[in-house]
C-alpha atoms as a PDB file:
ATOM      1  CA  MET A   1       0.000   0.000   0.000  1.00  0.00           C
ATOM      2  CA  SER A   2       1.200   3.499  -0.762  1.00  0.00           C
ATOM      3  CA  LYS A   3       1.626   5.376   2.437  1.00  0.00           C
ATOM      4  CA  ILE A   4      -0.834   7.329   4.515  1.00  0.00           C
ATOM      5  CA  VAL A   5       0.649  10.660   5.581  1.00  0.00           C
ATOM      6  CA  ILE A   6      -0.560  12.349   8.762  1.00  0.00           C
ATOM      7  CA  SER A   7       0.260  16.024   9.183  1.00  0.00           C
ATOM      8  CA  HIS A   8       0.294  17.189  12.821  1.00  0.00           C
ATOM      9  CA  GLU A   9       2.322  19.284  15.254  1.00  0.00           C
ATOM     10  CA  HIS A  10       1.141  18.148  18.684  1.00  0.00           C
ATOM     11  CA  PRO A  11       3.362  15.548  20.379  1.00  0.00           C
ATOM     12  CA  ASP A  12       0.610  13.677  22.247  1.00  0.00           C
ATOM     13  CA  TRP A  13      -2.867  14.110  20.792  1.00  0.00           C
ATOM     14  CA  PHE A  14      -2.634  11.451  18.081  1.00  0.00           C
ATOM     15  CA  LYS A  15      -0.768   8.659  19.868  1.00  0.00           C
ATOM     16  CA  PRO A  16      -3.930   6.497  20.022  1.00  0.00           C
ATOM     17  CA  LEU A  17      -4.359   6.874  16.253  1.00  0.00           C
ATOM     18  CA  PHE A  18      -0.761   5.865  15.586  1.00  0.00           C
ATOM     19  CA  ALA A  19      -1.084   2.890  17.956  1.00  0.00           C
ATOM     20  CA  GLU A  20      -4.143   1.614  16.084  1.00  0.00           C
ATOM     21  CA  LEU A  21      -2.424   1.986  12.693  1.00  0.00           C
ATOM     22  CA  GLU A  22       0.627   0.118  13.965  1.00  0.00           C
ATOM     23  CA  LYS A  23      -1.485  -2.646  15.502  1.00  0.00           C
ATOM     24  CA  ARG A  24      -2.968  -3.302  12.064  1.00  0.00           C
ATOM     25  CA  GLY A  25       0.353  -3.024  10.242  1.00  0.00           C
ATOM     26  CA  ILE A  26      -0.836  -0.117   8.130  1.00  0.00           C
ATOM     27  CA  PRO A  27       2.104   1.924   6.798  1.00  0.00           C
ATOM     28  CA  TYR A  28       2.045   5.627   7.577  1.00  0.00           C
ATOM     29  CA  GLU A  29       4.352   8.613   7.880  1.00  0.00           C
ATOM     30  CA  THR A  30       4.023  11.845   9.803  1.00  0.00           C
ATOM     31  CA  VAL A  31       5.019  15.350   8.780  1.00  0.00           C
ATOM     32  CA  ASN A  32       5.218  18.490  10.873  1.00  0.00           C
ATOM     33  CA  PRO A  33       3.313  21.316   9.154  1.00  0.00           C
ATOM     34  CA  THR A  34       5.136  23.945  11.229  1.00  0.00           C
ATOM     35  CA  GLN A  35       8.510  22.875   9.721  1.00  0.00           C
ATOM     36  CA  HIS A  36       7.915  21.833   6.149  1.00  0.00           C
ATOM     37  CA  ASN A  37       8.569  22.728   2.508  1.00  0.00           C
ATOM     38  CA  TYR A  38       7.435  21.717  -0.960  1.00  0.00           C
ATOM     39  CA  ALA A  39       8.278  22.574  -4.565  1.00  0.00           C
ATOM     40  CA  ILE A  40       5.601  24.145  -6.733  1.00  0.00           C
ATOM     41  CA  GLU A  41       6.797  22.233  -9.804  1.00  0.00           C
ATOM     42  CA  GLU A  42       7.032  18.808  -8.153  1.00  0.00           C
ATOM     43  CA  SER A  43       5.114  15.878  -9.596  1.00  0.00           C
ATOM     44  CA  ALA A  44       2.364  14.212  -7.594  1.00  0.00           C
ATOM     45  CA  PRO A  45       3.862  12.709  -4.418  1.00  0.00           C
ATOM     46  CA  ASP A  46       3.492   8.977  -3.715  1.00  0.00           C
ATOM     47  CA  ILE A  47       0.755   9.389  -1.136  1.00  0.00           C
ATOM     48  CA  ALA A  48      -2.348   7.229  -0.957  1.00  0.00           C
ATOM     49  CA  LEU A  49      -4.025   9.478   1.572  1.00  0.00           C
ATOM     50  CA  PHE A  50      -3.104  12.722   3.344  1.00  0.00           C
ATOM     51  CA  PHE A  51      -4.719  13.312   6.735  1.00  0.00           C
ATOM     52  CA  ASN A  52      -4.636  16.955   7.821  1.00  0.00           C
ATOM     53  CA  ARG A  53      -4.422  17.196  11.623  1.00  0.00           C
ATOM     54  CA  MET A  54      -3.011  20.721  11.800  1.00  0.00           C
ATOM     55  CA  SER A  55      -4.359  22.532  14.873  1.00  0.00           C
ATOM     56  CA  PRO A  56      -5.421  26.197  14.845  1.00  0.00           C
ATOM     57  CA  SER A  57      -4.077  26.424  18.408  1.00  0.00           C
ATOM     58  CA  ALA A  58      -0.533  25.656  17.184  1.00  0.00           C
ATOM     59  CA  TYR A  59       0.373  29.314  17.660  1.00  0.00           C
ATOM     60  CA  LEU A  60       0.283  28.640  21.398  1.00  0.00           C
ATOM     61  CA  ARG A  61       3.096  26.127  20.870  1.00  0.00           C
ATOM     62  CA  GLY A  62       5.330  28.210  18.603  1.00  0.00           C
ATOM     63  CA  GLY A  63       3.670  26.936  15.436  1.00  0.00           C
ATOM     64  CA  VAL A  64       1.839  29.964  14.068  1.00  0.00           C
ATOM     65  CA  GLN A  65       3.601  29.544  10.707  1.00  0.00           C
ATOM     66  CA  GLY A  66       1.899  26.197  10.156  1.00  0.00           C
ATOM     67  CA  THR A  67      -1.622  27.591   9.925  1.00  0.00           C
ATOM     68  CA  PHE A  68      -1.515  29.633   6.727  1.00  0.00           C
ATOM     69  CA  TYR A  69       1.175  27.394   5.227  1.00  0.00           C
ATOM     70  CA  THR A  70      -1.175  24.432   5.563  1.00  0.00           C
ATOM     71  CA  LEU A  71      -3.832  26.189   3.480  1.00  0.00           C
ATOM     72  CA  ASN A  72      -1.314  26.529   0.647  1.00  0.00           C
ATOM     73  CA  TYR A  73      -0.023  22.963   0.933  1.00  0.00           C
ATOM     74  CA  LEU A  74      -3.488  21.400   1.014  1.00  0.00           C
ATOM     75  CA  LYS A  75      -4.410  23.230  -2.176  1.00  0.00           C
ATOM     76  CA  HIS A  76      -1.122  22.026  -3.726  1.00  0.00           C
ATOM     77  CA  LEU A  77      -1.917  18.394  -2.878  1.00  0.00           C
ATOM     78  CA  GLU A  78      -5.474  18.615  -4.126  1.00  0.00           C
ATOM     79  CA  GLU A  79      -4.307  20.136  -7.401  1.00  0.00           C
ATOM     80  CA  HIS A  80      -2.245  16.937  -7.833  1.00  0.00           C
ATOM     81  CA  GLY A  81      -5.305  14.770  -7.213  1.00  0.00           C
ATOM     82  CA  ILE A  82      -4.240  13.564  -3.765  1.00  0.00           C
ATOM     83  CA  ARG A  83      -7.137  12.528  -1.510  1.00  0.00           C
ATOM     84  CA  VAL A  84      -6.925  14.788   1.518  1.00  0.00           C
ATOM     85  CA  ILE A  85      -8.937  14.088   4.646  1.00  0.00           C
ATOM     86  CA  ASN A  86     -10.049  17.469   6.018  1.00  0.00           C
ATOM     87  CA  GLY A  87      -8.705  19.237   2.992  1.00  0.00           C
ATOM     88  CA  TYR A  88      -8.509  22.839   1.865  1.00  0.00           C
ATOM     89  CA  LYS A  89     -12.214  23.662   2.141  1.00  0.00           C
ATOM     90  CA  ALA A  90     -12.461  22.074   5.588  1.00  0.00           C
ATOM     91  CA  PHE A  91      -9.390  23.926   6.829  1.00  0.00           C
ATOM     92  CA  VAL A  92     -10.722  27.242   5.542  1.00  0.00           C
ATOM     93  CA  TYR A  93     -13.708  26.756   7.841  1.00  0.00           C
ATOM     94  CA  GLU A  94     -11.521  25.422  10.641  1.00  0.00           C
ATOM     95  CA  THR A  95      -9.512  28.640  10.609  1.00  0.00           C
ATOM     96  CA  SER A  96     -12.418  31.091  10.560  1.00  0.00           C
ATOM     97  CA  LYS A  97     -15.142  31.278  13.175  1.00  0.00           C
ATOM     98  CA  ALA A  98     -16.669  34.067  11.087  1.00  0.00           C
ATOM     99  CA  LEU A  99     -17.006  31.769   8.062  1.00  0.00           C
ATOM    100  CA  GLN A 100     -18.444  29.031  10.257  1.00  0.00           C
ATOM    101  CA  LEU A 101     -21.253  31.328  11.367  1.00  0.00           C
ATOM    102  CA  GLN A 102     -21.728  32.582   7.809  1.00  0.00           C
ATOM    103  CA  LEU A 103     -22.306  28.973   6.772  1.00  0.00           C
ATOM    104  CA  LEU A 104     -24.817  28.439   9.587  1.00  0.00           C
ATOM    105  CA  GLN A 105     -26.630  31.600   8.507  1.00  0.00           C
ATOM    106  CA  LYS A 106     -26.802  30.302   4.949  1.00  0.00           C
ATOM    107  CA  LEU A 107     -28.164  26.952   6.141  1.00  0.00           C
ATOM    108  CA  GLY A 108     -30.756  28.510   8.429  1.00  0.00           C
ATOM    109  CA  ILE A 109     -29.162  26.952  11.526  1.00  0.00           C
ATOM    110  CA  LYS A 110     -29.275  29.067  14.680  1.00  0.00           C
ATOM    111  CA  PHE A 111     -26.168  30.373  16.455  1.00  0.00           C
ATOM    112  CA  PRO A 112     -25.404  32.974  19.150  1.00  0.00           C
ATOM    113  CA  LYS A 113     -25.926  36.551  17.980  1.00  0.00           C
ATOM    114  CA  SER A 114     -22.517  37.744  16.762  1.00  0.00           C
ATOM    115  CA  ARG A 115     -20.590  40.575  15.151  1.00  0.00           C
ATOM    116  CA  VAL A 116     -17.232  40.439  13.306  1.00  0.00           C
ATOM    117  CA  ILE A 117     -14.516  43.005  14.086  1.00  0.00           C
ATOM    118  CA  ASN A 118     -10.915  43.662  13.062  1.00  0.00           C
ATOM    119  CA  HIS A 119      -9.808  46.165  15.731  1.00  0.00           C
ATOM    120  CA  PRO A 120     -10.437  46.540  19.494  1.00  0.00           C
ATOM    121  CA  SER A 121     -11.853  50.010  18.843  1.00  0.00           C
ATOM    122  CA  GLN A 122     -14.830  48.332  17.161  1.00  0.00           C
ATOM    123  CA  ILE A 123     -15.900  46.160  20.089  1.00  0.00           C
ATOM    124  CA  GLU A 124     -18.107  48.733  21.803  1.00  0.00           C
ATOM    125  CA  ALA A 125     -20.027  49.529  18.629  1.00  0.00           C
ATOM    126  CA  ALA A 126     -20.349  45.810  17.926  1.00  0.00           C
ATOM    127  CA  THR A 127     -22.090  45.208  21.248  1.00  0.00           C
ATOM    128  CA  GLU A 128     -25.112  47.215  20.107  1.00  0.00           C
ATOM    129  CA  GLY A 129     -28.083  44.873  20.093  1.00  0.00           C
ATOM    130  CA  LEU A 130     -26.273  42.179  22.065  1.00  0.00           C
ATOM    131  CA  ARG A 131     -27.163  41.079  25.589  1.00  0.00           C
ATOM    132  CA  PHE A 132     -24.418  41.020  28.200  1.00  0.00           C
ATOM    133  CA  PRO A 133     -22.397  39.093  29.171  1.00  0.00           C
ATOM    134  CA  ILE A 134     -20.519  38.932  25.885  1.00  0.00           C
ATOM    135  CA  VAL A 135     -17.413  37.127  24.727  1.00  0.00           C
ATOM    136  CA  VAL A 136     -14.734  38.271  22.306  1.00  0.00           C
ATOM    137  CA  LYS A 137     -13.448  35.271  20.343  1.00  0.00           C
ATOM    138  CA  ALA A 138     -10.355  35.257  18.180  1.00  0.00           C
ATOM    139  CA  ASN A 139     -11.311  34.157  14.676  1.00  0.00           C
ATOM    140  CA  ILE A 140      -8.527  31.559  14.759  1.00  0.00           C
ATOM    141  CA  GLY A 141      -8.456  29.955  18.181  1.00  0.00           C
ATOM    142  CA  GLY A 142      -8.601  26.329  19.221  1.00  0.00           C
ATOM    143  CA  SER A 143      -8.664  24.674  22.656  1.00  0.00           C
ATOM    144  CA  GLY A 144     -10.484  27.686  24.063  1.00  0.00           C
ATOM    145  CA  ALA A 145      -7.652  30.065  23.226  1.00  0.00           C
ATOM    146  CA  GLY A 146      -8.341  33.710  22.475  1.00  0.00           C
ATOM    147  CA  ILE A 147     -11.705  33.973  24.266  1.00  0.00           C
ATOM    148  CA  GLU A 148     -12.450  36.726  26.805  1.00  0.00           C
ATOM    149  CA  LYS A 149     -15.715  37.259  28.674  1.00  0.00           C
ATOM    150  CA  PHE A 150     -17.076  40.688  29.653  1.00  0.00           C
ATOM    151  CA  ASP A 151     -20.020  41.270  31.985  1.00  0.00           C
ATOM    152  CA  SER A 152     -20.575  44.945  31.147  1.00  0.00           C
ATOM    153  CA  ILE A 153     -19.740  47.673  28.660  1.00  0.00           C
ATOM    154  CA  GLU A 154     -17.573  49.266  31.368  1.00  0.00           C
ATOM    155  CA  GLU A 155     -15.397  46.150  31.457  1.00  0.00           C
ATOM    156  CA  VAL A 156     -15.080  46.315  27.668  1.00  0.00           C
ATOM    157  CA  ARG A 157     -14.037  49.970  27.744  1.00  0.00           C
ATOM    158  CA  GLU A 158     -11.448  49.329  30.451  1.00  0.00           C
ATOM    159  CA  ALA A 159      -9.938  46.398  28.546  1.00  0.00           C
ATOM    160  CA  VAL A 160      -9.753  48.409  25.322  1.00  0.00           C
ATOM    161  CA  LYS A 161      -8.242  51.390  27.129  1.00  0.00           C
ATOM    162  CA  ASN A 162      -5.554  49.193  28.700  1.00  0.00           C
ATOM    163  CA  GLU A 163      -4.854  47.363  25.421  1.00  0.00           C
ATOM    164  CA  GLN A 164      -5.704  44.022  26.997  1.00  0.00           C
ATOM    165  CA  ILE A 165      -7.589  42.523  24.052  1.00  0.00           C
ATOM    166  CA  ASP A 166      -5.813  40.218  21.608  1.00  0.00           C
ATOM    167  CA  LEU A 167      -7.707  39.540  18.381  1.00  0.00           C
ATOM    168  CA  GLY A 168      -5.432  36.670  17.385  1.00  0.00           C
ATOM    169  CA  ILE A 169      -3.157  35.882  14.514  1.00  0.00           C
ATOM    170  CA  ASP A 170      -5.415  37.196  11.735  1.00  0.00           C
ATOM    171  CA  HIS A 171      -6.519  40.281  13.732  1.00  0.00           C
ATOM    172  CA  THR A 172     -10.159  39.301  13.342  1.00  0.00           C
ATOM    173  CA  ALA A 173     -12.618  38.332  16.067  1.00  0.00           C
ATOM    174  CA  LEU A 174     -16.226  37.694  16.944  1.00  0.00           C
ATOM    175  CA  VAL A 175     -18.121  39.763  19.470  1.00  0.00           C
ATOM    176  CA  GLN A 176     -20.790  37.336  20.604  1.00  0.00           C
ATOM    177  CA  GLU A 177     -23.475  36.924  23.231  1.00  0.00           C
ATOM    178  CA  PHE A 178     -22.390  34.622  26.051  1.00  0.00           C
ATOM    179  CA  ILE A 179     -24.997  31.876  26.273  1.00  0.00           C
ATOM    180  CA  PRO A 180     -26.024  30.569  29.720  1.00  0.00           C
ATOM    181  CA  ALA A 181     -26.147  26.795  29.350  1.00  0.00           C
ATOM    182  CA  ARG A 182     -29.382  25.109  30.339  1.00  0.00           C
ATOM    183  CA  GLY A 183     -28.518  22.182  32.603  1.00  0.00           C
ATOM    184  CA  GLY A 184     -24.948  23.416  32.974  1.00  0.00           C
ATOM    185  CA  TYR A 185     -23.672  21.512  29.940  1.00  0.00           C
ATOM    186  CA  ILE A 186     -22.802  21.839  26.278  1.00  0.00           C
ATOM    187  CA  THR A 187     -23.104  18.998  23.780  1.00  0.00           C
ATOM    188  CA  ARG A 188     -20.293  17.950  21.488  1.00  0.00           C
ATOM    189  CA  VAL A 189     -21.086  15.723  18.528  1.00  0.00           C
ATOM    190  CA  GLU A 190     -18.319  13.859  16.719  1.00  0.00           C
ATOM    191  CA  THR A 191     -18.619  12.847  13.081  1.00  0.00           C
ATOM    192  CA  LEU A 192     -16.696  10.515  10.800  1.00  0.00           C
ATOM    193  CA  GLY A 193     -17.009  10.536   7.039  1.00  0.00           C
ATOM    194  CA  GLY A 194     -19.462  13.388   7.545  1.00  0.00           C
ATOM    195  CA  LYS A 195     -21.828  11.131   9.508  1.00  0.00           C
ATOM    196  CA  TYR A 196     -22.775  11.011  13.183  1.00  0.00           C
ATOM    197  CA  LEU A 197     -20.370   8.951  15.300  1.00  0.00           C
ATOM    198  CA  TYR A 198     -21.235   9.781  18.911  1.00  0.00           C
ATOM    199  CA  ALA A 199     -22.063  12.649  21.234  1.00  0.00           C
ATOM    200  CA  ILE A 200     -21.162  13.675  24.767  1.00  0.00           C
ATOM    201  CA  ARG A 201     -22.487  16.200  27.213  1.00  0.00           C
ATOM    202  CA  VAL A 202     -19.734  18.254  28.817  1.00  0.00           C
ATOM    203  CA  TYR A 203     -20.564  19.841  32.163  1.00  0.00           C
ATOM    204  CA  THR A 204     -18.734  23.079  32.833  1.00  0.00           C
ATOM    205  CA  SER A 205     -18.844  25.976  35.259  1.00  0.00           C
ATOM    206  CA  GLY A 206     -19.414  28.318  32.341  1.00  0.00           C
ATOM    207  CA  GLU A 207     -16.143  30.124  33.010  1.00  0.00           C
ATOM    208  CA  SER A 208     -13.917  27.683  31.105  1.00  0.00           C
ATOM    209  CA  PHE A 209     -13.798  27.744  27.314  1.00  0.00           C
ATOM    210  CA  ASN A 210     -11.305  24.894  26.842  1.00  0.00           C
ATOM    211  CA  LEU A 211     -13.601  21.948  26.196  1.00  0.00           C
ATOM    212  CA  CYS A 212     -10.984  19.696  24.559  1.00  0.00           C
ATOM    213  CA  PRO A 213     -12.656  16.254  24.941  1.00  0.00           C
ATOM    214  CA  ALA A 214      -9.330  14.532  25.519  1.00  0.00           C
ATOM    215  CA  ASP A 215      -8.680  16.803  28.521  1.00  0.00           C
ATOM    216  CA  ILE A 216     -11.868  15.880  30.369  1.00  0.00           C
ATOM    217  CA  CYS A 217     -11.043  14.150  33.612  1.00  0.00           C
ATOM    218  CA  GLN A 218     -14.214  12.637  35.056  1.00  0.00           C
ATOM    219  CA  THR A 219     -17.551  11.097  34.233  1.00  0.00           C
ATOM    220  CA  THR A 220     -20.633  12.581  35.878  1.00  0.00           C
ATOM    221  CA  THR A 221     -20.435   9.794  38.471  1.00  0.00           C
ATOM    222  CA  GLY A 222     -16.944  10.932  39.497  1.00  0.00           C
ATOM    223  CA  GLN A 223     -14.992   8.169  37.776  1.00  0.00           C
ATOM    224  CA  ASP A 224     -11.506   9.312  36.761  1.00  0.00           C
ATOM    225  CA  LEU A 225     -10.769   8.961  33.052  1.00  0.00           C
ATOM    226  CA  VAL A 226      -7.517   7.862  31.482  1.00  0.00           C
ATOM    227  CA  ARG A 227      -6.399  10.867  29.431  1.00  0.00           C
ATOM    228  CA  ASN A 228      -4.412   8.985  26.842  1.00  0.00           C
ATOM    229  CA  ALA A 229      -4.523  11.594  24.099  1.00  0.00           C
ATOM    230  CA  CYS A 230      -3.221  14.750  25.752  1.00  0.00           C
ATOM    231  CA  ALA A 231       0.029  15.673  27.432  1.00  0.00           C
ATOM    232  CA  VAL A 232       0.600  13.809  30.698  1.00  0.00           C
ATOM    233  CA  ASP A 233       1.015  17.103  32.526  1.00  0.00           C
ATOM    234  CA  ALA A 234      -2.227  18.603  31.224  1.00  0.00           C
ATOM    235  CA  PRO A 235      -3.941  20.244  34.207  1.00  0.00           C
ATOM    236  CA  LYS A 236      -7.171  18.812  35.514  1.00  0.00           C
ATOM    237  CA  ASN A 237      -9.863  21.255  34.497  1.00  0.00           C
ATOM    238  CA  GLY A 238     -12.867  20.009  36.460  1.00  0.00           C
ATOM    239  CA  LEU A 239     -14.914  19.159  33.384  1.00  0.00           C
ATOM    240  CA  LYS A 240     -17.227  16.160  33.583  1.00  0.00           C
ATOM    241  CA  VAL A 241     -18.708  14.196  30.731  1.00  0.00           C
ATOM    242  CA  GLU A 242     -21.433  11.684  29.892  1.00  0.00           C
ATOM    243  CA  SER A 243     -22.540   9.871  26.771  1.00  0.00           C
ATOM    244  CA  TYR A 244     -25.631  11.255  25.046  1.00  0.00           C
ATOM    245  CA  THR A 245     -27.625  10.690  21.863  1.00  0.00           C
ATOM    246  CA  PRO A 246     -29.090  13.882  20.328  1.00  0.00           C
ATOM    247  CA  PRO A 247     -32.505  13.877  18.640  1.00  0.00           C
ATOM    248  CA  PRO A 248     -32.622  13.094  14.892  1.00  0.00           C
ATOM    249  CA  ASN A 249     -33.195  16.714  13.821  1.00  0.00           C
ATOM    250  CA  ILE A 250     -29.972  17.833  15.536  1.00  0.00           C
ATOM    251  CA  ILE A 251     -27.993  14.968  14.018  1.00  0.00           C
ATOM    252  CA  LYS A 252     -29.360  15.921  10.596  1.00  0.00           C
ATOM    253  CA  SER A 253     -28.324  19.561  11.084  1.00  0.00           C
ATOM    254  CA  ILE A 254     -24.827  18.536  12.122  1.00  0.00           C
ATOM    255  CA  GLU A 255     -24.362  16.198   9.175  1.00  0.00           C
ATOM    256  CA  THR A 256     -25.535  19.001   6.867  1.00  0.00           C
ATOM    257  CA  ILE A 257     -22.942  21.369   8.355  1.00  0.00           C
ATOM    258  CA  MET A 258     -20.191  18.783   7.865  1.00  0.00           C
ATOM    259  CA  GLU A 259     -21.224  18.100   4.283  1.00  0.00           C
ATOM    260  CA  GLN A 260     -21.346  21.793   3.380  1.00  0.00           C
ATOM    261  CA  SER A 261     -18.027  22.571   5.083  1.00  0.00           C
ATOM    262  CA  GLY A 262     -16.174  19.638   3.548  1.00  0.00           C
ATOM    263  CA  ILE A 263     -15.139  18.274   6.951  1.00  0.00           C
ATOM    264  CA  ASP A 264     -14.500  14.513   6.857  1.00  0.00           C
ATOM    265  CA  VAL A 265     -13.592  14.086  10.525  1.00  0.00           C
ATOM    266  CA  GLY A 266     -14.682  16.646  13.089  1.00  0.00           C
ATOM    267  CA  GLY A 267     -16.895  17.777  15.908  1.00  0.00           C
ATOM    268  CA  ILE A 268     -19.598  20.365  16.438  1.00  0.00           C
ATOM    269  CA  GLU A 269     -20.634  21.918  19.727  1.00  0.00           C
ATOM    270  CA  TYR A 270     -24.068  23.245  20.545  1.00  0.00           C
ATOM    271  CA  ILE A 271     -25.747  24.662  23.610  1.00  0.00           C
ATOM    272  CA  ILE A 272     -29.311  25.105  24.844  1.00  0.00           C
ATOM    273  CA  ASP A 273     -29.872  28.744  25.760  1.00  0.00           C
ATOM    274  CA  ASP A 274     -31.254  28.772  29.300  1.00  0.00           C
ATOM    275  CA  ARG A 275     -33.055  32.060  28.596  1.00  0.00           C
ATOM    276  CA  ASP A 276     -35.401  30.732  25.921  1.00  0.00           C
ATOM    277  CA  GLY A 277     -34.605  27.066  25.237  1.00  0.00           C
ATOM    278  CA  GLU A 278     -33.171  27.690  21.768  1.00  0.00           C
ATOM    279  CA  VAL A 279     -30.591  25.215  20.451  1.00  0.00           C
ATOM    280  CA  LEU A 280     -27.587  27.262  19.288  1.00  0.00           C
ATOM    281  CA  TYR A 281     -24.589  25.906  17.386  1.00  0.00           C
ATOM    282  CA  TYR A 282     -21.388  27.793  18.131  1.00  0.00           C
ATOM    283  CA  ASP A 283     -18.273  25.843  17.148  1.00  0.00           C
ATOM    284  CA  VAL A 284     -17.317  23.773  14.098  1.00  0.00           C
ATOM    285  CA  ASN A 285     -14.129  21.750  14.515  1.00  0.00           C
ATOM    286  CA  ALA A 286     -12.174  20.010  11.777  1.00  0.00           C
ATOM    287  CA  LEU A 287      -9.535  19.051  14.321  1.00  0.00           C
ATOM    288  CA  SER A 288     -11.340  16.680  16.669  1.00  0.00           C
ATOM    289  CA  ASN A 289      -9.793  14.910  19.625  1.00  0.00           C
ATOM    290  CA  PHE A 290     -11.947  12.009  20.741  1.00  0.00           C
ATOM    291  CA  VAL A 291     -13.068  11.923  24.341  1.00  0.00           C
ATOM    292  CA  ALA A 292     -10.576  10.508  26.848  1.00  0.00           C
ATOM    293  CA  ASP A 293     -11.097   6.883  27.895  1.00  0.00           C
ATOM    294  CA  ALA A 294     -13.757   6.548  25.213  1.00  0.00           C
ATOM    295  CA  VAL A 295     -14.641   2.907  25.890  1.00  0.00           C
ATOM    296  CA  ASN A 296     -15.731   3.796  29.425  1.00  0.00           C
ATOM    297  CA  VAL A 297     -17.638   6.887  28.286  1.00  0.00           C
ATOM    298  CA  ILE A 298     -19.304   5.961  24.984  1.00  0.00           C
ATOM    299  CA  GLY A 299     -18.844   2.180  24.874  1.00  0.00           C
ATOM    300  CA  PHE A 300     -16.422   1.828  21.959  1.00  0.00           C
ATOM    301  CA  ASN A 301     -13.011   2.960  20.709  1.00  0.00           C
ATOM    302  CA  PRO A 302     -13.527   5.687  18.076  1.00  0.00           C
ATOM    303  CA  HIS A 303      -9.921   5.351  16.898  1.00  0.00           C
ATOM    304  CA  GLU A 304     -10.793   1.890  15.571  1.00  0.00           C
ATOM    305  CA  ARG A 305     -13.632   3.433  13.531  1.00  0.00           C
ATOM    306  CA  LEU A 306     -11.301   6.213  12.362  1.00  0.00           C
ATOM    307  CA  VAL A 307      -8.687   3.749  11.122  1.00  0.00           C
ATOM    308  CA  ASP A 308     -11.413   1.714   9.401  1.00  0.00           C
ATOM    309  CA  PHE A 309     -12.353   4.906   7.567  1.00  0.00           C
ATOM    310  CA  LEU A 310      -8.761   5.843   6.687  1.00  0.00           C
ATOM    311  CA  GLU A 311      -7.983   2.342   5.440  1.00  0.00           C
ATOM    312  CA  LYS A 312     -11.086   2.263   3.257  1.00  0.00           C
ATOM    313  CA  GLU A 313     -10.327   5.695   1.786  1.00  0.00           C
ATOM    314  CA  ALA A 314      -6.686   4.777   1.102  1.00  0.00           C
ATOM    315  CA  VAL A 315      -7.593   1.507  -0.618  1.00  0.00           C
ATOM    316  CA  GLN A 316     -10.168   3.329  -2.751  1.00  0.00           C
ATOM    317  CA  GLU A 317      -7.581   5.882  -3.848  1.00  0.00           C
ATOM    318  CA  ILE A 318      -5.057   3.178  -4.743  1.00  0.00           C
ATOM    319  CA  GLU A 319      -7.670   1.378  -6.831  1.00  0.00           C
ATOM    320  CA  ASN A 320      -8.572   4.647  -8.577  1.00  0.00           C
ATOM    321  CA  ILE A 321      -4.911   5.282  -9.395  1.00  0.00           C
ATOM    322  CA  ALA A 322      -4.526   1.726 -10.733  1.00  0.00           C
ATOM    323  CA  VAL A 323      -7.513   2.192 -13.071  1.00  0.00           C
ATOM    324  CA  VAL A 324      -6.074   5.445 -14.428  1.00  0.00           C
END
């Protein structure tokens, strides 16, 4: 089999994926998108399948250069006919919360009321028509990075005056209503091949925005989870999780979002607004880390399903190449 190439920059997140590939004897290579190069005139590389696992939060780990580079490289691979999992279109959406909400608007799917800004001076004007508290979200974030909550316009003015607001690496951000979560939880739905895989409810205090599923430490019954996909020194964040199956209409909406965004493997988070009971979708993720200790939480190992999918896609591409 021609090789599967997995592009990633995090040292720990994808160890379970690599372990499953190795257990099955499936050949693969890894590349680091934050330290990489390619030639424009090169012929098509010998790759059966390219799996893009570049994280928007890489800038927190000295990898800011990998984000925009990856957009160029994915387009390069696709121009050569390489099958890319979470390719250029998916990564465009992954790296723009503004475009994510624009897609939801187009699809008629509800989301928190939001404004898009490109300078801190615009935040106050952008709050017009929004209910406080609000959050300012960097357009390119990841793992909860670049999100600040403000309870009043006075807090906003003070932060702007003191130059305390960082709009992120593309100097673009959302100003968005902060949604009080009914039941104290958000729901994260994971998809594979654009289809529903599983869902979890994540219980949070409402003050934490890092809802990385692999960082969650306990079930709702207090059972400690084995966090086998994140760094061993990742701090316990107090988040608790339970398995959950959303109603069919929500699953349909999520699969529609994934289809329209071109995301092969990813997760979507939604929340029930405690003020009026509306279901609001607020985050579309092409980089999805499966929940820690998945077998104990959801009853199966999603990495096995993921490798099934990758193997099937790679074999299909090899057969297509052979026919050509």
